[in-house]
């Protein structure tokens, strides 16, 4: 059973930092990509960043370039999203998902219906 569990969300002031974690299990971690997505109230889900051993880091949105980075600890089957210089517009529920490949923004290929985590809330106050 594929399982992804996000953690590390919270309330932070603008300009602050958070480091989200995505712990994955139930599949061969090294063979797939892990993407981070976010959904703000009233908005569609948006791709943020993705990482895979073959593609490296893939930014799905330019709005986080220079502020967010993604990394992976393959020994622990965990992917991290380091978020710096946070802005109020970064407020959203952040999800991680197991993908066949990172690919390109707007077209995503989850490895199954259970390939998404439950999400973690990130709130940035002004």
Foldseek 3Di string as FASTA:
>chain_A
DKAKAKDWADEEAAQAKIKMKIQIDDDQLQQWKKWKWWDDPPGDIWTAWMAHPVPGIDGQDPVQPPFWDKDDDNVRNMIMIIGGRDDQVVWTWMKMFIFNYPPYTPDTHGPDPNRIHPTDTHGYHD
